[in-house]
Amino acid sequence: MIFPDGCCYRRAALATLDQHQKHGYSAYTSASYGNIRAAVSAGLGIGVLPASALAEDHTILGKKEGFPALPVVELMMVQASQKRATQQLADFLKLSAAMKSQSISTP
């Protein structure tokens, strides 16, 4: 379960797996967090998701399971307009990200 070409999560995950001589295949590709989450939850395979997109039934695979740690991926929001609707969306995204990061606990 992986995001399509061009995605920073895909690029980081594949580069890390290559560095550790871990290879697999893409059974399912989607640009949607929801679709990747659903596929992982359904047991169709493993996937790479940001911590903020993990579902309660997901398990983080790490060294104990034979997987290398993935690098931190930073996303940046660029606001090109000061229009009211654009500012409201930017404020909502900032608040949502802050709330999500407070509720995340990873091993």
C-alpha atoms as a PDB file:
ATOM      1  CA  MET A   1       0.000   0.000   0.000  1.00  0.00           C
ATOM      2  CA  ILE A   2       1.789   3.112  -1.157  1.00  0.00           C
ATOM      3  CA  PHE A   3       1.230   6.600  -2.464  1.00  0.00           C
ATOM      4  CA  PRO A   4       1.868   7.317  -6.174  1.00  0.00           C
ATOM      5  CA  ASP A   5       5.113   8.498  -7.789  1.00  0.00           C
ATOM      6  CA  GLY A   6       6.016  12.018  -6.721  1.00  0.00           C
ATOM      7  CA  CYS A   7       4.812  11.617  -3.132  1.00  0.00           C
ATOM      8  CA  CYS A   8       7.392  12.556  -0.478  1.00  0.00           C
ATOM      9  CA  TYR A   9       6.280   9.667   1.778  1.00  0.00           C
ATOM     10  CA  ARG A  10       6.749   7.165  -1.040  1.00  0.00           C
ATOM     11  CA  ARG A  11      10.162   8.585  -1.954  1.00  0.00           C
ATOM     12  CA  ALA A  12      11.378   8.508   1.672  1.00  0.00           C
ATOM     13  CA  ALA A  13      10.089   4.987   2.320  1.00  0.00           C
ATOM     14  CA  LEU A  14      11.487   3.449  -0.863  1.00  0.00           C
ATOM     15  CA  ALA A  15      14.881   5.142  -0.417  1.00  0.00           C
ATOM     16  CA  THR A  16      15.116   3.868   3.166  1.00  0.00           C
ATOM     17  CA  LEU A  17      14.104   0.338   2.203  1.00  0.00           C
ATOM     18  CA  ASP A  18      16.640   0.336  -0.660  1.00  0.00           C
ATOM     19  CA  GLN A  19      19.396   1.489   1.722  1.00  0.00           C
ATOM     20  CA  HIS A  20      18.631  -1.524   3.919  1.00  0.00           C
ATOM     21  CA  GLN A  21      18.301  -4.000   1.027  1.00  0.00           C
ATOM     22  CA  LYS A  22      14.602  -4.495   1.807  1.00  0.00           C
ATOM     23  CA  HIS A  23      12.509  -4.907  -1.296  1.00  0.00           C
ATOM     24  CA  GLY A  24       8.844  -5.474  -1.890  1.00  0.00           C
ATOM     25  CA  TYR A  25       6.194  -4.639  -4.391  1.00  0.00           C
ATOM     26  CA  SER A  26       3.276  -2.273  -4.641  1.00  0.00           C
ATOM     27  CA  ALA A  27       0.038  -4.220  -4.410  1.00  0.00           C
ATOM     28  CA  TYR A  28      -2.046  -1.055  -4.250  1.00  0.00           C
ATOM     29  CA  THR A  29      -1.381   2.608  -5.045  1.00  0.00           C
ATOM     30  CA  SER A  30      -3.568   5.543  -4.063  1.00  0.00           C
ATOM     31  CA  ALA A  31      -3.153   9.268  -3.466  1.00  0.00           C
ATOM     32  CA  SER A  32      -5.751   9.090  -0.701  1.00  0.00           C
ATOM     33  CA  TYR A  33      -4.821   8.680   2.970  1.00  0.00           C
ATOM     34  CA  GLY A  34      -8.283   7.208   3.505  1.00  0.00           C
ATOM     35  CA  ASN A  35      -7.835   4.568   0.815  1.00  0.00           C
ATOM     36  CA  ILE A  36      -4.387   3.560   2.071  1.00  0.00           C
ATOM     37  CA  ARG A  37      -5.705   3.428   5.648  1.00  0.00           C
ATOM     38  CA  ALA A  38      -8.650   1.279   4.598  1.00  0.00           C
ATOM     39  CA  ALA A  39      -6.466  -1.126   2.615  1.00  0.00           C
ATOM     40  CA  VAL A  40      -4.074  -1.568   5.560  1.00  0.00           C
ATOM     41  CA  SER A  41      -6.989  -1.969   7.988  1.00  0.00           C
ATOM     42  CA  ALA A  42      -8.502  -4.617   5.700  1.00  0.00           C
ATOM     43  CA  GLY A  43      -5.257  -6.588   5.940  1.00  0.00           C
ATOM     44  CA  LEU A  44      -4.366  -6.241   2.270  1.00  0.00           C
ATOM     45  CA  GLY A  45      -0.752  -5.420   3.090  1.00  0.00           C
ATOM     46  CA  ILE A  46       1.500  -2.978   4.892  1.00  0.00           C
ATOM     47  CA  GLY A  47       1.765   0.680   4.034  1.00  0.00           C
ATOM     48  CA  VAL A  48       3.541   3.908   4.789  1.00  0.00           C
ATOM     49  CA  LEU A  49       1.455   6.628   6.386  1.00  0.00           C
ATOM     50  CA  PRO A  50       2.303   9.740   8.350  1.00  0.00           C
ATOM     51  CA  ALA A  51       1.754   9.244  12.080  1.00  0.00           C
ATOM     52  CA  SER A  52      -1.199  11.639  11.905  1.00  0.00           C
ATOM     53  CA  ALA A  53      -3.009   9.295   9.505  1.00  0.00           C
ATOM     54  CA  LEU A  54      -2.658   6.076  11.499  1.00  0.00           C
ATOM     55  CA  ALA A  55      -5.858   4.298  12.484  1.00  0.00           C
ATOM     56  CA  GLU A  56      -6.366   2.722  15.903  1.00  0.00           C
ATOM     57  CA  ASP A  57      -6.069  -0.777  14.418  1.00  0.00           C
ATOM     58  CA  HIS A  58      -2.704  -0.062  12.756  1.00  0.00           C
ATOM     59  CA  THR A  59       0.575  -1.295  14.201  1.00  0.00           C
ATOM     60  CA  ILE A  60       3.840   0.546  13.635  1.00  0.00           C
ATOM     61  CA  LEU A  61       6.416  -1.912  12.313  1.00  0.00           C
ATOM     62  CA  GLY A  62       9.941  -1.244  13.519  1.00  0.00           C
ATOM     63  CA  LYS A  63      13.304  -2.830  14.214  1.00  0.00           C
ATOM     64  CA  LYS A  64      11.734  -5.714  16.172  1.00  0.00           C
ATOM     65  CA  GLU A  65       9.728  -6.663  13.060  1.00  0.00           C
ATOM     66  CA  GLY A  66      12.733  -6.230  10.768  1.00  0.00           C
ATOM     67  CA  PHE A  67      11.936  -2.777   9.376  1.00  0.00           C
ATOM     68  CA  PRO A  68      14.244   0.256   9.434  1.00  0.00           C
ATOM     69  CA  ALA A  69      13.112   3.540  10.933  1.00  0.00           C
ATOM     70  CA  LEU A  70      11.715   5.882   8.317  1.00  0.00           C
ATOM     71  CA  PRO A  71      13.042   9.429   8.058  1.00  0.00           C
ATOM     72  CA  VAL A  72      11.077  12.424   9.239  1.00  0.00           C
ATOM     73  CA  VAL A  73       9.187  13.995   6.351  1.00  0.00           C
ATOM     74  CA  GLU A  74       8.242  17.633   6.662  1.00  0.00           C
ATOM     75  CA  LEU A  75       5.324  19.105   4.774  1.00  0.00           C
ATOM     76  CA  MET A  76       5.030  22.803   4.192  1.00  0.00           C
ATOM     77  CA  MET A  77       1.946  24.865   3.520  1.00  0.00           C
ATOM     78  CA  VAL A  78       2.378  27.891   1.284  1.00  0.00           C
ATOM     79  CA  GLN A  79      -0.386  30.455   1.294  1.00  0.00           C
ATOM     80  CA  ALA A  80      -0.273  32.602  -1.819  1.00  0.00           C
ATOM     81  CA  SER A  81      -3.388  34.630  -1.118  1.00  0.00           C
ATOM     82  CA  GLN A  82      -4.690  36.645   1.810  1.00  0.00           C
ATOM     83  CA  LYS A  83      -8.313  36.220   0.757  1.00  0.00           C
ATOM     84  CA  ARG A  84     -10.653  35.420   3.636  1.00  0.00           C
ATOM     85  CA  ALA A  85     -11.516  31.894   2.453  1.00  0.00           C
ATOM     86  CA  THR A  86      -7.848  31.063   1.887  1.00  0.00           C
ATOM     87  CA  GLN A  87      -6.941  32.369   5.348  1.00  0.00           C
ATOM     88  CA  GLN A  88      -9.764  30.357   6.940  1.00  0.00           C
ATOM     89  CA  LEU A  89      -8.555  27.176   5.229  1.00  0.00           C
ATOM     90  CA  ALA A  90      -4.962  27.842   6.330  1.00  0.00           C
ATOM     91  CA  ASP A  91      -6.114  28.455   9.922  1.00  0.00           C
ATOM     92  CA  PHE A  92      -8.181  25.257   9.886  1.00  0.00           C
ATOM     93  CA  LEU A  93      -5.257  23.188   8.559  1.00  0.00           C
ATOM     94  CA  LYS A  94      -2.895  24.618  11.186  1.00  0.00           C
ATOM     95  CA  LEU A  95      -5.366  23.923  13.992  1.00  0.00           C
ATOM     96  CA  SER A  96      -6.111  20.440  12.683  1.00  0.00           C
ATOM     97  CA  ALA A  97      -2.403  19.580  12.418  1.00  0.00           C
ATOM     98  CA  ALA A  98      -1.729  20.893  15.926  1.00  0.00           C
ATOM     99  CA  MET A  99      -4.614  18.895  17.403  1.00  0.00           C
ATOM    100  CA  LYS A 100      -3.553  15.733  15.561  1.00  0.00           C
ATOM    101  CA  SER A 101       0.087  16.030  16.646  1.00  0.00           C
ATOM    102  CA  GLN A 102      -0.969  16.347  20.304  1.00  0.00           C
ATOM    103  CA  SER A 103      -2.923  13.089  20.126  1.00  0.00           C
ATOM    104  CA  ILE A 104      -0.183  11.017  18.434  1.00  0.00           C
ATOM    105  CA  SER A 105       2.030   8.720  20.461  1.00  0.00           C
ATOM    106  CA  THR A 106       4.479   6.476  18.662  1.00  0.00           C
ATOM    107  CA  PRO A 107       6.672   3.797  20.232  1.00  0.00           C
END
